[in-house]
Amino acid sequence: LNLTDSITFIQIKTDTLFESQQIISLLTVSQDSADRYEIRLAYRNKELMRTSWFGLDNQAEAALNAGYFDRDEGGSVSYLEIADSVISRNTSRGAKWAINDSLLNGAILIGSGNLISIQPANTEKYYEASTREKAVLIAGPLLLLNSGKVKLPDIERFVKKRHPRSCLCTDKDQVVFIAIDGRREEAEGMSLSETQDFLLKLGCIDAINLDGGGSTTLWTRDKGVVNFPSDKEGERPVSNVLLIIKTNQN
């Protein structure tokens, strides 16, 4: 389904992938559409907000939940920088959510020309000193680099069990927002190694894991929330998201 001339939405429902029931929602945007659309990071420091509300509030075409956050106090628990302003840093607050340095090994960079890149994380000081990026979010773990699997951290429950997953991936032409549903009979979710295998089949070159579980939410302006968030209460409020926005909007 083409939502616009540059944005495409696909939903995969299968019972053969990894011999399991899966529902996977994919939204792609062309990297050469930067004159019409840009990808931005949006955040709330204290007040948590649903991914769909972030999308509506910013008049976005689409939104995907992004980095890890503190569900009690609000705010991100990993490094986030927008327009040379540091919003949050990697923090020990993440420890209570099992977020540690071995997970936060990747970075999403939004550069000049609105180009998106996924890279191994550099130091916070490096990003503070650099003026080449419009925005930076440290997340993880990294899943793919240059079409190869990245070694996953040894965290049994987080890595090896099946959960809902949110991911961002790039190939030579596109950026892909990915929501893998889980924790339900018709959608079992994926382990991170299964996620790596799926993303390689999809043709991703670089890919990074985002906050998943009950946070996993993909929203579009035309269709609303297109996946099936696993929390009993429905869509979970989050601290930061990735947005696709028309470039002529403020």
C-alpha atoms as a PDB file:
ATOM      1  CA  LEU A   1       0.000   0.000   0.000  1.00  0.00           C
ATOM      2  CA  ASN A   2       1.526   3.307  -1.092  1.00  0.00           C
ATOM      3  CA  LEU A   3       0.661   5.939   1.502  1.00  0.00           C
ATOM      4  CA  THR A   4       2.407   8.584  -0.633  1.00  0.00           C
ATOM      5  CA  ASP A   5       4.673   8.556  -3.678  1.00  0.00           C
ATOM      6  CA  SER A   6       7.662   7.912  -1.380  1.00  0.00           C
ATOM      7  CA  ILE A   7       6.178   6.061   1.622  1.00  0.00           C
ATOM      8  CA  THR A   8       4.981   2.449   1.444  1.00  0.00           C
ATOM      9  CA  PHE A   9       3.262   0.333   4.106  1.00  0.00           C
ATOM     10  CA  ILE A  10       3.225  -3.480   4.125  1.00  0.00           C
ATOM     11  CA  GLN A  11       1.917  -5.905   6.740  1.00  0.00           C
ATOM     12  CA  ILE A  12       3.075  -9.526   6.709  1.00  0.00           C
ATOM     13  CA  LYS A  13       0.987 -12.238   8.375  1.00  0.00           C
ATOM     14  CA  THR A  14       2.579 -15.682   8.276  1.00  0.00           C
ATOM     15  CA  ASP A  15       2.702 -18.983  10.128  1.00  0.00           C
ATOM     16  CA  THR A  16       5.834 -20.296   8.393  1.00  0.00           C
ATOM     17  CA  LEU A  17       8.539 -17.799   9.412  1.00  0.00           C
ATOM     18  CA  PHE A  18      10.645 -19.518  12.101  1.00  0.00           C
ATOM     19  CA  GLU A  19       7.796 -22.073  12.305  1.00  0.00           C
ATOM     20  CA  SER A  20       5.738 -19.529  14.214  1.00  0.00           C
ATOM     21  CA  GLN A  21       2.804 -17.157  13.890  1.00  0.00           C
ATOM     22  CA  GLN A  22       4.043 -13.665  13.042  1.00  0.00           C
ATOM     23  CA  ILE A  23       2.556 -10.258  12.243  1.00  0.00           C
ATOM     24  CA  ILE A  24       5.120  -7.760  10.977  1.00  0.00           C
ATOM     25  CA  SER A  25       4.374  -4.169   9.947  1.00  0.00           C
ATOM     26  CA  LEU A  26       6.837  -2.403   7.643  1.00  0.00           C
ATOM     27  CA  LEU A  27       6.896   1.217   6.549  1.00  0.00           C
ATOM     28  CA  THR A  28       9.501   2.308   4.009  1.00  0.00           C
ATOM     29  CA  VAL A  29      10.532   5.796   2.957  1.00  0.00           C
ATOM     30  CA  SER A  30      12.920   6.510   0.106  1.00  0.00           C
ATOM     31  CA  GLN A  31      16.269   8.039   1.053  1.00  0.00           C
ATOM     32  CA  ASP A  32      16.064  10.192  -2.095  1.00  0.00           C
ATOM     33  CA  SER A  33      12.821  11.829  -0.940  1.00  0.00           C
ATOM     34  CA  ALA A  34      14.559  14.253   1.446  1.00  0.00           C
ATOM     35  CA  ASP A  35      13.198  17.191  -0.553  1.00  0.00           C
ATOM     36  CA  ARG A  36       9.678  16.042   0.388  1.00  0.00           C
ATOM     37  CA  TYR A  37      10.006  14.108   3.647  1.00  0.00           C
ATOM     38  CA  GLU A  38      12.392  14.065   6.563  1.00  0.00           C
ATOM     39  CA  ILE A  39      12.871  11.753   9.502  1.00  0.00           C
ATOM     40  CA  ARG A  40      12.979  13.480  12.875  1.00  0.00           C
ATOM     41  CA  LEU A  41      13.329  12.506  16.507  1.00  0.00           C
ATOM     42  CA  ALA A  42      10.729  13.893  18.901  1.00  0.00           C
ATOM     43  CA  TYR A  43      10.713  13.585  22.685  1.00  0.00           C
ATOM     44  CA  ARG A  44       9.104  14.459  25.999  1.00  0.00           C
ATOM     45  CA  ASN A  45      11.351  14.992  29.009  1.00  0.00           C
ATOM     46  CA  LYS A  46       8.953  14.081  31.812  1.00  0.00           C
ATOM     47  CA  GLU A  47       5.465  13.542  30.463  1.00  0.00           C
ATOM     48  CA  LEU A  48       5.167  10.268  28.544  1.00  0.00           C
ATOM     49  CA  MET A  49       3.025  10.279  25.413  1.00  0.00           C
ATOM     50  CA  ARG A  50       1.621   7.663  23.075  1.00  0.00           C
ATOM     51  CA  THR A  51       3.416   7.195  19.762  1.00  0.00           C
ATOM     52  CA  SER A  52       0.208   8.089  17.918  1.00  0.00           C
ATOM     53  CA  TRP A  53      -0.073  11.326  19.888  1.00  0.00           C
ATOM     54  CA  PHE A  54       3.505  12.231  18.971  1.00  0.00           C
ATOM     55  CA  GLY A  55       2.534  11.676  15.346  1.00  0.00           C
ATOM     56  CA  LEU A  56      -0.614  13.768  15.541  1.00  0.00           C
ATOM     57  CA  ASP A  57       1.072  16.501  17.591  1.00  0.00           C
ATOM     58  CA  ASN A  58       3.783  16.879  14.940  1.00  0.00           C
ATOM     59  CA  GLN A  59       1.466  16.498  11.919  1.00  0.00           C
ATOM     60  CA  ALA A  60       3.586  13.536  10.871  1.00  0.00           C
ATOM     61  CA  GLU A  61       2.981  11.001   8.133  1.00  0.00           C
ATOM     62  CA  ALA A  62       4.202   8.163  10.378  1.00  0.00           C
ATOM     63  CA  ALA A  63       5.702   7.469  13.804  1.00  0.00           C
ATOM     64  CA  LEU A  64       7.603   4.581  15.414  1.00  0.00           C
ATOM     65  CA  ASN A  65       8.500   4.327  19.094  1.00  0.00           C
ATOM     66  CA  ALA A  66      12.251   4.757  19.477  1.00  0.00           C
ATOM     67  CA  GLY A  67      14.649   4.712  22.446  1.00  0.00           C
ATOM     68  CA  TYR A  68      14.508   3.303  25.957  1.00  0.00           C
ATOM     69  CA  PHE A  69      12.956   5.433  28.698  1.00  0.00           C
ATOM     70  CA  ASP A  70      12.108   5.538  32.389  1.00  0.00           C
ATOM     71  CA  ARG A  71       8.500   4.412  32.774  1.00  0.00           C
ATOM     72  CA  ASP A  72       8.291   5.803  36.338  1.00  0.00           C
ATOM     73  CA  GLU A  73      10.063   9.155  36.091  1.00  0.00           C
ATOM     74  CA  GLY A  74       9.782   9.819  32.357  1.00  0.00           C
ATOM     75  CA  GLY A  75      12.607  10.839  30.067  1.00  0.00           C
ATOM     76  CA  SER A  76      15.049   8.874  27.948  1.00  0.00           C
ATOM     77  CA  VAL A  77      17.690   6.653  29.563  1.00  0.00           C
ATOM     78  CA  SER A  78      20.113   6.825  26.629  1.00  0.00           C
ATOM     79  CA  TYR A  79      21.934   9.633  24.833  1.00  0.00           C
ATOM     80  CA  LEU A  80      19.627  11.847  22.777  1.00  0.00           C
ATOM     81  CA  GLU A  81      20.745  14.997  20.995  1.00  0.00           C
ATOM     82  CA  ILE A  82      18.647  17.209  18.742  1.00  0.00           C
ATOM     83  CA  ALA A  83      19.923  20.348  16.983  1.00  0.00           C
ATOM     84  CA  ASP A  84      23.163  20.326  19.032  1.00  0.00           C
ATOM     85  CA  SER A  85      21.187  20.284  22.279  1.00  0.00           C
ATOM     86  CA  VAL A  86      21.755  17.305  24.601  1.00  0.00           C
ATOM     87  CA  ILE A  87      18.361  16.079  25.800  1.00  0.00           C
ATOM     88  CA  SER A  88      19.484  13.041  27.800  1.00  0.00           C
ATOM     89  CA  ARG A  89      22.540  10.902  28.495  1.00  0.00           C
ATOM     90  CA  ASN A  90      23.203   7.215  28.981  1.00  0.00           C
ATOM     91  CA  THR A  91      22.147   6.742  32.581  1.00  0.00           C
ATOM     92  CA  SER A  92      22.150   4.075  35.255  1.00  0.00           C
ATOM     93  CA  ARG A  93      18.390   4.618  35.548  1.00  0.00           C
ATOM     94  CA  GLY A  94      18.201   2.239  32.625  1.00  0.00           C
ATOM     95  CA  ALA A  95      19.534  -0.588  34.784  1.00  0.00           C
ATOM     96  CA  LYS A  96      16.166  -1.275  36.363  1.00  0.00           C
ATOM     97  CA  TRP A  97      14.769  -1.936  32.897  1.00  0.00           C
ATOM     98  CA  ALA A  98      17.691  -4.289  32.087  1.00  0.00           C
ATOM     99  CA  ILE A  99      19.172  -1.659  29.791  1.00  0.00           C
ATOM    100  CA  ASN A 100      22.942  -1.621  30.051  1.00  0.00           C
ATOM    101  CA  ASP A 101      26.017  -0.647  28.076  1.00  0.00           C
ATOM    102  CA  SER A 102      26.116  -3.917  26.164  1.00  0.00           C
ATOM    103  CA  LEU A 103      22.701  -3.082  24.706  1.00  0.00           C
ATOM    104  CA  LEU A 104      23.385   0.581  23.988  1.00  0.00           C
ATOM    105  CA  ASN A 105      26.037  -0.100  21.360  1.00  0.00           C
ATOM    106  CA  GLY A 106      24.453   1.582  18.341  1.00  0.00           C
ATOM    107  CA  ALA A 107      23.422   5.031  17.201  1.00  0.00           C
ATOM    108  CA  ILE A 108      20.883   6.481  14.798  1.00  0.00           C
ATOM    109  CA  LEU A 109      22.227   9.622  13.133  1.00  0.00           C
ATOM    110  CA  ILE A 110      20.192  12.110  11.150  1.00  0.00           C
ATOM    111  CA  GLY A 111      22.640  14.044   9.012  1.00  0.00           C
ATOM    112  CA  SER A 112      22.607  16.820   6.463  1.00  0.00           C
ATOM    113  CA  GLY A 113      20.205  16.258   3.618  1.00  0.00           C
ATOM    114  CA  ASN A 114      18.036  14.347   6.103  1.00  0.00           C
ATOM    115  CA  LEU A 115      20.007  11.170   5.412  1.00  0.00           C
ATOM    116  CA  ILE A 116      19.742   8.453   8.056  1.00  0.00           C
ATOM    117  CA  SER A 117      22.643   6.269   9.115  1.00  0.00           C
ATOM    118  CA  ILE A 118      22.963   3.474  11.669  1.00  0.00           C
ATOM    119  CA  GLN A 119      26.422   3.094  13.187  1.00  0.00           C
ATOM    120  CA  PRO A 120      28.285   1.671  16.179  1.00  0.00           C
ATOM    121  CA  ALA A 121      27.842   4.165  19.012  1.00  0.00           C
ATOM    122  CA  ASN A 122      30.602   6.677  19.602  1.00  0.00           C
ATOM    123  CA  THR A 123      31.150   8.472  22.904  1.00  0.00           C
ATOM    124  CA  GLU A 124      28.770  11.114  24.169  1.00  0.00           C
ATOM    125  CA  LYS A 125      31.631  13.627  24.086  1.00  0.00           C
ATOM    126  CA  TYR A 126      32.180  12.868  20.403  1.00  0.00           C
ATOM    127  CA  TYR A 127      28.577  13.647  19.504  1.00  0.00           C
ATOM    128  CA  GLU A 128      28.561  16.762  21.685  1.00  0.00           C
ATOM    129  CA  ALA A 129      31.603  18.098  19.832  1.00  0.00           C
ATOM    130  CA  SER A 130      30.405  17.091  16.375  1.00  0.00           C
ATOM    131  CA  THR A 131      28.240  19.471  14.365  1.00  0.00           C
ATOM    132  CA  ARG A 132      27.662  17.089  11.454  1.00  0.00           C
ATOM    133  CA  GLU A 133      24.506  15.526  12.856  1.00  0.00           C
ATOM    134  CA  LYS A 134      21.089  17.148  13.150  1.00  0.00           C
ATOM    135  CA  ALA A 135      20.074  14.500  15.691  1.00  0.00           C
ATOM    136  CA  VAL A 136      21.543  11.456  17.458  1.00  0.00           C
ATOM    137  CA  LEU A 137      19.911   8.655  19.440  1.00  0.00           C
ATOM    138  CA  ILE A 138      21.937   5.915  21.094  1.00  0.00           C
ATOM    139  CA  ALA A 139      19.972   2.657  21.164  1.00  0.00           C
ATOM    140  CA  GLY A 140      20.531  -0.990  20.513  1.00  0.00           C
ATOM    141  CA  PRO A 141      21.710  -3.514  20.307  1.00  0.00           C
ATOM    142  CA  LEU A 142      22.989  -3.167  16.771  1.00  0.00           C
ATOM    143  CA  LEU A 143      21.618  -6.001  14.665  1.00  0.00           C
ATOM    144  CA  LEU A 144      23.257  -5.604  11.244  1.00  0.00           C
ATOM    145  CA  LEU A 145      26.207  -3.681   9.841  1.00  0.00           C
ATOM    146  CA  ASN A 146      27.127  -3.839   6.158  1.00  0.00           C
ATOM    147  CA  SER A 147      24.729  -6.768   5.640  1.00  0.00           C
ATOM    148  CA  GLY A 148      26.411  -8.803   8.367  1.00  0.00           C
ATOM    149  CA  LYS A 149      25.093  -9.901  11.753  1.00  0.00           C
ATOM    150  CA  VAL A 150      26.484  -8.093  14.795  1.00  0.00           C
ATOM    151  CA  LYS A 151      27.325 -10.263  17.814  1.00  0.00           C
ATOM    152  CA  LEU A 152      24.490  -9.959  20.306  1.00  0.00           C
ATOM    153  CA  PRO A 153      24.981  -9.292  24.027  1.00  0.00           C
ATOM    154  CA  ASP A 154      24.622 -12.264  26.351  1.00  0.00           C
ATOM    155  CA  ILE A 155      21.376 -11.276  28.050  1.00  0.00           C
ATOM    156  CA  GLU A 156      19.223 -14.395  28.076  1.00  0.00           C
ATOM    157  CA  ARG A 157      15.689 -13.121  28.507  1.00  0.00           C
ATOM    158  CA  PHE A 158      16.042  -9.960  26.434  1.00  0.00           C
ATOM    159  CA  VAL A 159      17.979 -11.460  23.533  1.00  0.00           C
ATOM    160  CA  LYS A 160      16.973 -15.115  23.273  1.00  0.00           C
ATOM    161  CA  LYS A 161      13.278 -15.099  24.128  1.00  0.00           C
ATOM    162  CA  ARG A 162      10.610 -13.992  21.674  1.00  0.00           C
ATOM    163  CA  HIS A 163       9.243 -10.505  22.269  1.00  0.00           C
ATOM    164  CA  PRO A 164       7.609  -7.720  20.274  1.00  0.00           C
ATOM    165  CA  ARG A 165      10.407  -5.777  18.550  1.00  0.00           C
ATOM    166  CA  SER A 166      10.776  -2.310  17.059  1.00  0.00           C
ATOM    167  CA  CYS A 167      13.646  -1.834  14.616  1.00  0.00           C
ATOM    168  CA  LEU A 168      15.054   0.680  12.185  1.00  0.00           C
ATOM    169  CA  CYS A 169      16.915  -0.492   9.117  1.00  0.00           C
ATOM    170  CA  THR A 170      18.466   1.028   6.021  1.00  0.00           C
ATOM    171  CA  ASP A 171      19.413  -0.305   2.618  1.00  0.00           C
ATOM    172  CA  LYS A 172      21.012   1.632  -0.211  1.00  0.00           C
ATOM    173  CA  ASP A 173      17.724   3.284  -1.162  1.00  0.00           C
ATOM    174  CA  GLN A 174      15.348   3.211   1.792  1.00  0.00           C
ATOM    175  CA  VAL A 175      14.779   3.611   5.497  1.00  0.00           C
ATOM    176  CA  VAL A 176      12.425   1.022   7.014  1.00  0.00           C
ATOM    177  CA  PHE A 177      10.358   1.373  10.205  1.00  0.00           C
ATOM    178  CA  ILE A 178       9.610  -2.128  11.543  1.00  0.00           C
ATOM    179  CA  ALA A 179       7.145  -3.305  14.203  1.00  0.00           C
ATOM    180  CA  ILE A 180       7.155  -7.034  14.996  1.00  0.00           C
ATOM    181  CA  ASP A 181       4.159  -7.974  17.121  1.00  0.00           C
ATOM    182  CA  GLY A 182       4.384 -10.527  19.926  1.00  0.00           C
ATOM    183  CA  ARG A 183       3.047 -11.949  23.181  1.00  0.00           C
ATOM    184  CA  ARG A 184      -0.174 -13.126  21.553  1.00  0.00           C
ATOM    185  CA  GLU A 185      -1.368 -16.343  19.945  1.00  0.00           C
ATOM    186  CA  GLU A 186      -1.384 -14.970  16.399  1.00  0.00           C
ATOM    187  CA  ALA A 187       1.923 -13.105  16.798  1.00  0.00           C
ATOM    188  CA  GLU A 188       4.658 -14.779  18.825  1.00  0.00           C
ATOM    189  CA  GLY A 189       7.361 -12.147  18.369  1.00  0.00           C
ATOM    190  CA  MET A 190      11.016 -12.855  17.661  1.00  0.00           C
ATOM    191  CA  SER A 191      14.275 -13.416  19.451  1.00  0.00           C
ATOM    192  CA  LEU A 192      16.974 -10.975  18.394  1.00  0.00           C
ATOM    193  CA  SER A 193      18.783 -13.634  16.343  1.00  0.00           C
ATOM    194  CA  GLU A 194      15.511 -14.371  14.528  1.00  0.00           C
ATOM    195  CA  THR A 195      15.096 -10.638  14.011  1.00  0.00           C
ATOM    196  CA  GLN A 196      18.565 -10.492  12.446  1.00  0.00           C
ATOM    197  CA  ASP A 197      17.697 -13.340  10.070  1.00  0.00           C
ATOM    198  CA  PHE A 198      14.413 -11.698   9.084  1.00  0.00           C
ATOM    199  CA  LEU A 199      16.060  -8.328   8.431  1.00  0.00           C
ATOM    200  CA  LEU A 200      18.687  -9.965   6.217  1.00  0.00           C
ATOM    201  CA  LYS A 201      15.900 -11.651   4.220  1.00  0.00           C
ATOM    202  CA  LEU A 202      14.263  -8.243   3.947  1.00  0.00           C
ATOM    203  CA  GLY A 203      17.426  -6.849   2.344  1.00  0.00           C
ATOM    204  CA  CYS A 204      18.519  -4.579   5.183  1.00  0.00           C
ATOM    205  CA  ILE A 205      22.159  -3.468   5.183  1.00  0.00           C
ATOM    206  CA  ASP A 206      22.325  -1.754   8.594  1.00  0.00           C
ATOM    207  CA  ALA A 207      19.787  -2.293  11.374  1.00  0.00           C
ATOM    208  CA  ILE A 208      19.300  -1.440  15.033  1.00  0.00           C
ATOM    209  CA  ASN A 209      16.952  -2.676  17.733  1.00  0.00           C
ATOM    210  CA  LEU A 210      14.792  -0.077  19.486  1.00  0.00           C
ATOM    211  CA  ASP A 211      12.665  -0.277  22.623  1.00  0.00           C
ATOM    212  CA  GLY A 212      10.321  -3.225  22.114  1.00  0.00           C
ATOM    213  CA  GLY A 213       7.906  -5.256  24.200  1.00  0.00           C
ATOM    214  CA  GLY A 214       4.795  -3.305  25.106  1.00  0.00           C
ATOM    215  CA  SER A 215       6.346  -0.135  23.669  1.00  0.00           C
ATOM    216  CA  THR A 216       6.348  -1.446  20.083  1.00  0.00           C
ATOM    217  CA  THR A 217       4.006   0.842  18.117  1.00  0.00           C
ATOM    218  CA  LEU A 218       3.873   1.890  14.463  1.00  0.00           C
ATOM    219  CA  TRP A 219       1.400   4.617  13.498  1.00  0.00           C
ATOM    220  CA  THR A 220       0.500   6.256  10.191  1.00  0.00           C
ATOM    221  CA  ARG A 221      -1.595   9.348   9.573  1.00  0.00           C
ATOM    222  CA  ASP A 222      -3.884   7.505   7.152  1.00  0.00           C
ATOM    223  CA  LYS A 223      -4.352   4.236   9.041  1.00  0.00           C
ATOM    224  CA  GLY A 224      -3.698   5.019  12.717  1.00  0.00           C
ATOM    225  CA  VAL A 225      -1.876   2.388  14.789  1.00  0.00           C
ATOM    226  CA  VAL A 226      -1.170  -0.391  12.287  1.00  0.00           C
ATOM    227  CA  ASN A 227       0.304  -3.033  14.602  1.00  0.00           C
ATOM    228  CA  PHE A 228      -1.069  -4.663  17.755  1.00  0.00           C
ATOM    229  CA  PRO A 229       0.631  -3.300  20.908  1.00  0.00           C
ATOM    230  CA  SER A 230       0.944  -6.061  23.496  1.00  0.00           C
ATOM    231  CA  ASP A 231       0.076  -4.162  26.692  1.00  0.00           C
ATOM    232  CA  LYS A 232      -3.396  -4.986  28.007  1.00  0.00           C
ATOM    233  CA  GLU A 233      -4.103  -1.258  28.201  1.00  0.00           C
ATOM    234  CA  GLY A 234      -3.237  -0.906  24.507  1.00  0.00           C
ATOM    235  CA  GLU A 235      -0.754   1.635  23.231  1.00  0.00           C
ATOM    236  CA  ARG A 236       1.959   2.394  25.808  1.00  0.00           C
ATOM    237  CA  PRO A 237       3.056   6.013  26.416  1.00  0.00           C
ATOM    238  CA  VAL A 238       6.739   6.517  25.550  1.00  0.00           C
ATOM    239  CA  SER A 239       9.392   9.218  25.820  1.00  0.00           C
ATOM    240  CA  ASN A 240      10.726   9.509  22.263  1.00  0.00           C
ATOM    241  CA  VAL A 241       9.805   8.493  18.720  1.00  0.00           C
ATOM    242  CA  LEU A 242      10.976   8.571  15.128  1.00  0.00           C
ATOM    243  CA  LEU A 243       8.743  10.609  12.819  1.00  0.00           C
ATOM    244  CA  ILE A 244       8.352  11.001   9.071  1.00  0.00           C
ATOM    245  CA  ILE A 245       7.290  14.579   8.347  1.00  0.00           C
ATOM    246  CA  LYS A 246       6.687  16.563   5.176  1.00  0.00           C
ATOM    247  CA  THR A 247       9.638  18.909   4.745  1.00  0.00           C
ATOM    248  CA  ASN A 248       7.461  21.972   4.213  1.00  0.00           C
ATOM    249  CA  GLN A 249       6.128  21.652   7.777  1.00  0.00           C
ATOM    250  CA  ASN A 250       7.668  23.327  10.804  1.00  0.00           C
END
